[in-house]
Amino acid sequence: MFKRLVALVLVAAVAGPVAAQNAKPARPASGPEAQPIPRTTFISNMDTEFRKMDADHDGVLTRKEVETYQTSDHCAGRSAQARLVCGARH
């Protein structure tokens, strides 16, 4: 998982802006998720995610910190999903 996270960050940081510059959208973009992200915003978001994962605040991510974060983030998402499902039944 750690290698996938690093690969995802690298692909998003390098390929995303290049692809966005070269590609012409097939249809007009709509909604906030369809808007291009400025580099400064992307870096700021990545810094925020890094700080969330860096449990001991030493400026270094270990495999354990990333896995712990991903597990807790996944569990939190599943809990929210369960609340939505359970809430819809009542």
N, C-alpha and C. Protein backbone atom coordinates (compact mmCIF):
# COMPACT_ATOMS: atom_id res chain seq x y z
N MET A 1 0.82 -1.20 0.00
CA MET A 1 0.00 0.00 0.00
C MET A 1 0.86 1.26 0.00
N PHE A 2 1.96 1.23 0.72
CA PHE A 2 2.82 2.40 0.80
C PHE A 2 3.37 2.75 -0.58
N LYS A 3 3.80 1.73 -1.33
CA LYS A 3 4.32 1.97 -2.67
C LYS A 3 3.23 2.53 -3.58
N ARG A 4 1.99 2.05 -3.42
CA ARG A 4 0.89 2.57 -4.23
C ARG A 4 0.62 4.02 -3.91
N LEU A 5 0.71 4.41 -2.63
CA LEU A 5 0.49 5.79 -2.24
C LEU A 5 1.54 6.69 -2.85
N VAL A 6 2.80 6.28 -2.77
CA VAL A 6 3.89 7.06 -3.34
C VAL A 6 3.72 7.17 -4.84
N ALA A 7 3.39 6.06 -5.49
CA ALA A 7 3.19 6.08 -6.94
C ALA A 7 2.04 7.00 -7.32
N LEU A 8 0.96 6.96 -6.56
CA LEU A 8 -0.19 7.81 -6.84
C LEU A 8 0.19 9.28 -6.71
N VAL A 9 0.93 9.62 -5.68
CA VAL A 9 1.34 11.01 -5.47
C VAL A 9 2.23 11.45 -6.63
N LEU A 10 3.18 10.61 -7.02
CA LEU A 10 4.07 10.97 -8.12
C LEU A 10 3.32 11.12 -9.43
N VAL A 11 2.42 10.22 -9.71
CA VAL A 11 1.65 10.31 -10.95
C VAL A 11 0.80 11.57 -10.96
N ALA A 12 0.14 11.84 -9.85
CA ALA A 12 -0.73 13.02 -9.78
C ALA A 12 0.09 14.30 -9.87
N ALA A 13 1.27 14.30 -9.27
CA ALA A 13 2.10 15.51 -9.26
C ALA A 13 2.74 15.77 -10.61
N VAL A 14 3.11 14.72 -11.32
CA VAL A 14 3.84 14.89 -12.57
C VAL A 14 2.93 14.77 -13.79
N ALA A 15 2.20 13.69 -13.88
CA ALA A 15 1.41 13.41 -15.08
C ALA A 15 0.16 14.27 -15.17
N GLY A 16 -0.47 14.55 -14.04
CA GLY A 16 -1.72 15.31 -14.05
C GLY A 16 -1.61 16.64 -14.76
N PRO A 17 -0.68 17.52 -14.35
CA PRO A 17 -0.57 18.81 -15.02
C PRO A 17 -0.18 18.69 -16.49
N VAL A 18 0.69 17.74 -16.82
CA VAL A 18 1.09 17.57 -18.22
C VAL A 18 -0.09 17.12 -19.05
N ALA A 19 -0.82 16.13 -18.56
CA ALA A 19 -1.99 15.64 -19.29
C ALA A 19 -3.04 16.73 -19.42
N ALA A 20 -3.22 17.51 -18.37
CA ALA A 20 -4.21 18.58 -18.40
C ALA A 20 -3.85 19.65 -19.43
N GLN A 21 -2.56 19.91 -19.62
CA GLN A 21 -2.14 20.90 -20.59
C GLN A 21 -2.33 20.41 -22.01
N ASN A 22 -2.11 19.12 -22.25
CA ASN A 22 -2.15 18.56 -23.59
C ASN A 22 -3.52 18.08 -24.02
N ALA A 23 -4.37 17.75 -23.08
CA ALA A 23 -5.67 17.17 -23.41
C ALA A 23 -6.72 18.27 -23.55
N LYS A 24 -7.60 18.05 -24.52
CA LYS A 24 -8.73 18.94 -24.68
C LYS A 24 -9.96 18.20 -24.18
N PRO A 25 -10.75 18.81 -23.28
CA PRO A 25 -11.91 18.11 -22.75
C PRO A 25 -12.93 17.82 -23.85
N ALA A 26 -13.54 16.64 -23.79
CA ALA A 26 -14.55 16.26 -24.76
C ALA A 26 -15.82 17.07 -24.57
N ARG A 27 -16.08 17.48 -23.34
CA ARG A 27 -17.25 18.30 -23.04
C ARG A 27 -16.86 19.29 -21.97
N PRO A 28 -17.62 20.35 -21.80
CA PRO A 28 -17.27 21.36 -20.79
C PRO A 28 -17.24 20.76 -19.39
N ALA A 29 -16.30 21.21 -18.60
CA ALA A 29 -16.19 20.75 -17.21
C ALA A 29 -17.32 21.35 -16.39
N SER A 30 -17.82 20.57 -15.44
CA SER A 30 -18.87 21.08 -14.57
C SER A 30 -18.62 20.58 -13.15
N GLY A 31 -18.99 21.38 -12.19
CA GLY A 31 -18.82 21.01 -10.80
C GLY A 31 -17.39 21.25 -10.32
N PRO A 32 -17.21 21.38 -9.00
CA PRO A 32 -15.89 21.68 -8.46
C PRO A 32 -14.87 20.58 -8.70
N GLU A 33 -15.31 19.31 -8.77
CA GLU A 33 -14.36 18.21 -8.97
C GLU A 33 -13.79 18.20 -10.38
N ALA A 34 -14.42 18.88 -11.32
CA ALA A 34 -13.96 18.89 -12.70
C ALA A 34 -13.00 20.04 -12.99
N GLN A 35 -12.75 20.88 -12.02
CA GLN A 35 -11.90 22.04 -12.22
C GLN A 35 -10.42 21.68 -12.06
N PRO A 36 -9.55 22.30 -12.85
CA PRO A 36 -8.10 22.07 -12.67
C PRO A 36 -7.66 22.52 -11.28
N ILE A 37 -6.63 21.87 -10.76
CA ILE A 37 -6.12 22.21 -9.44
C ILE A 37 -4.76 22.90 -9.61
N PRO A 38 -4.62 24.12 -9.11
CA PRO A 38 -3.32 24.78 -9.18
C PRO A 38 -2.28 24.01 -8.37
N ARG A 39 -1.02 24.10 -8.79
CA ARG A 39 0.07 23.38 -8.12
C ARG A 39 0.13 23.73 -6.64
N THR A 40 -0.02 24.99 -6.30
CA THR A 40 0.06 25.40 -4.89
C THR A 40 -1.02 24.75 -4.05
N THR A 41 -2.22 24.62 -4.62
CA THR A 41 -3.31 23.96 -3.90
C THR A 41 -3.02 22.48 -3.73
N PHE A 42 -2.52 21.85 -4.79
CA PHE A 42 -2.19 20.43 -4.73
C PHE A 42 -1.14 20.17 -3.65
N ILE A 43 -0.07 20.97 -3.64
CA ILE A 43 1.01 20.81 -2.66
C ILE A 43 0.47 21.05 -1.25
N SER A 44 -0.37 22.05 -1.08
CA SER A 44 -0.95 22.34 0.23
C SER A 44 -1.79 21.16 0.72
N ASN A 45 -2.60 20.59 -0.19
CA ASN A 45 -3.41 19.42 0.18
C ASN A 45 -2.53 18.24 0.55
N MET A 46 -1.47 18.01 -0.20
CA MET A 46 -0.57 16.89 0.10
C MET A 46 0.14 17.12 1.44
N ASP A 47 0.53 18.36 1.73
CA ASP A 47 1.15 18.65 3.03
C ASP A 47 0.18 18.36 4.17
N THR A 48 -1.08 18.72 3.98
CA THR A 48 -2.10 18.45 5.00
C THR A 48 -2.25 16.95 5.22
N GLU A 49 -2.32 16.18 4.13
CA GLU A 49 -2.44 14.73 4.25
C GLU A 49 -1.19 14.14 4.92
N PHE A 50 -0.02 14.65 4.58
CA PHE A 50 1.22 14.17 5.19
C PHE A 50 1.17 14.38 6.71
N ARG A 51 0.76 15.59 7.12
CA ARG A 51 0.70 15.88 8.57
C ARG A 51 -0.30 14.96 9.28
N LYS A 52 -1.41 14.63 8.61
CA LYS A 52 -2.38 13.71 9.21
C LYS A 52 -1.78 12.32 9.42
N MET A 53 -0.94 11.89 8.47
CA MET A 53 -0.36 10.54 8.54
C MET A 53 0.83 10.47 9.48
N ASP A 54 1.55 11.56 9.66
CA ASP A 54 2.78 11.58 10.46
C ASP A 54 2.42 11.60 11.95
N ALA A 55 2.13 10.42 12.48
CA ALA A 55 1.62 10.28 13.85
C ALA A 55 2.58 10.82 14.91
N ASP A 56 3.88 10.61 14.74
CA ASP A 56 4.83 11.07 15.75
C ASP A 56 5.42 12.45 15.43
N HIS A 57 4.93 13.08 14.37
CA HIS A 57 5.30 14.45 13.99
C HIS A 57 6.81 14.65 13.85
N ASP A 58 7.50 13.64 13.28
CA ASP A 58 8.95 13.78 13.10
C ASP A 58 9.31 14.17 11.67
N GLY A 59 8.30 14.41 10.83
CA GLY A 59 8.57 14.82 9.46
C GLY A 59 8.93 13.67 8.53
N VAL A 60 8.76 12.43 8.99
CA VAL A 60 9.07 11.24 8.20
C VAL A 60 7.89 10.29 8.30
N LEU A 61 7.45 9.77 7.14
CA LEU A 61 6.38 8.78 7.15
C LEU A 61 6.97 7.38 7.09
N THR A 62 6.55 6.55 8.02
CA THR A 62 6.94 5.15 7.98
C THR A 62 5.79 4.35 7.38
N ARG A 63 6.09 3.14 6.96
CA ARG A 63 5.06 2.27 6.42
C ARG A 63 3.94 2.09 7.46
N LYS A 64 4.32 1.91 8.72
CA LYS A 64 3.33 1.69 9.78
C LYS A 64 2.40 2.91 9.91
N GLU A 65 2.95 4.13 9.86
CA GLU A 65 2.12 5.33 9.97
C GLU A 65 1.12 5.41 8.82
N VAL A 66 1.58 5.12 7.61
CA VAL A 66 0.69 5.17 6.45
C VAL A 66 -0.39 4.11 6.57
N GLU A 67 0.00 2.89 6.92
CA GLU A 67 -0.98 1.81 7.04
C GLU A 67 -1.99 2.09 8.15
N THR A 68 -1.51 2.62 9.28
CA THR A 68 -2.40 2.95 10.38
C THR A 68 -3.39 4.03 9.96
N TYR A 69 -2.90 5.04 9.27
CA TYR A 69 -3.77 6.11 8.80
C TYR A 69 -4.81 5.58 7.82
N GLN A 70 -4.36 4.78 6.86
CA GLN A 70 -5.28 4.24 5.86
C GLN A 70 -6.34 3.36 6.51
N THR A 71 -5.94 2.56 7.49
CA THR A 71 -6.89 1.70 8.18
C THR A 71 -7.91 2.53 8.95
N SER A 72 -7.44 3.52 9.69
CA SER A 72 -8.36 4.34 10.49
C SER A 72 -9.25 5.18 9.58
N ASP A 73 -8.71 5.69 8.47
CA ASP A 73 -9.49 6.48 7.53
C ASP A 73 -10.56 5.61 6.88
N HIS A 74 -10.20 4.39 6.53
CA HIS A 74 -11.15 3.45 5.93
C HIS A 74 -12.25 3.11 6.93
N CYS A 75 -11.87 2.85 8.17
CA CYS A 75 -12.85 2.51 9.21
C CYS A 75 -13.79 3.69 9.47
N ALA A 76 -13.26 4.89 9.47
CA ALA A 76 -14.10 6.07 9.68
C ALA A 76 -15.10 6.22 8.54
N GLY A 77 -14.64 5.97 7.32
CA GLY A 77 -15.54 6.03 6.17
C GLY A 77 -16.62 4.98 6.24
N ARG A 78 -16.24 3.78 6.66
CA ARG A 78 -17.22 2.70 6.78
C ARG A 78 -18.23 3.02 7.88
N SER A 79 -17.78 3.65 8.98
CA SER A 79 -18.70 4.01 10.06
C SER A 79 -19.70 5.04 9.57
N ALA A 80 -19.23 6.02 8.80
CA ALA A 80 -20.12 7.04 8.27
C ALA A 80 -21.12 6.41 7.31
N GLN A 81 -20.65 5.48 6.49
CA GLN A 81 -21.53 4.79 5.56
C GLN A 81 -22.58 3.98 6.32
N ALA A 82 -22.17 3.31 7.39
CA ALA A 82 -23.10 2.52 8.19
C ALA A 82 -24.14 3.41 8.83
N ARG A 83 -23.74 4.59 9.29
CA ARG A 83 -24.71 5.52 9.89
C ARG A 83 -25.73 5.97 8.86
N LEU A 84 -25.29 6.21 7.63
CA LEU A 84 -26.22 6.62 6.57
C LEU A 84 -27.22 5.50 6.28
N VAL A 85 -26.70 4.28 6.18
CA VAL A 85 -27.58 3.15 5.88
C VAL A 85 -28.54 2.92 7.03
N CYS A 86 -28.03 2.91 8.25
CA CYS A 86 -28.88 2.68 9.42
C CYS A 86 -29.87 3.81 9.60
N GLY A 87 -29.43 5.03 9.36
CA GLY A 87 -30.32 6.18 9.48
C GLY A 87 -31.44 6.15 8.46
N ALA A 88 -31.14 5.62 7.29
CA ALA A 88 -32.15 5.56 6.23
C ALA A 88 -33.24 4.55 6.55
N ARG A 89 -32.90 3.56 7.35
CA ARG A 89 -33.88 2.51 7.70
C ARG A 89 -34.88 3.00 8.72
N HIS A 90 -34.49 3.97 9.54
CA HIS A 90 -35.39 4.41 10.61
C HIS A 90 -36.26 5.55 10.18
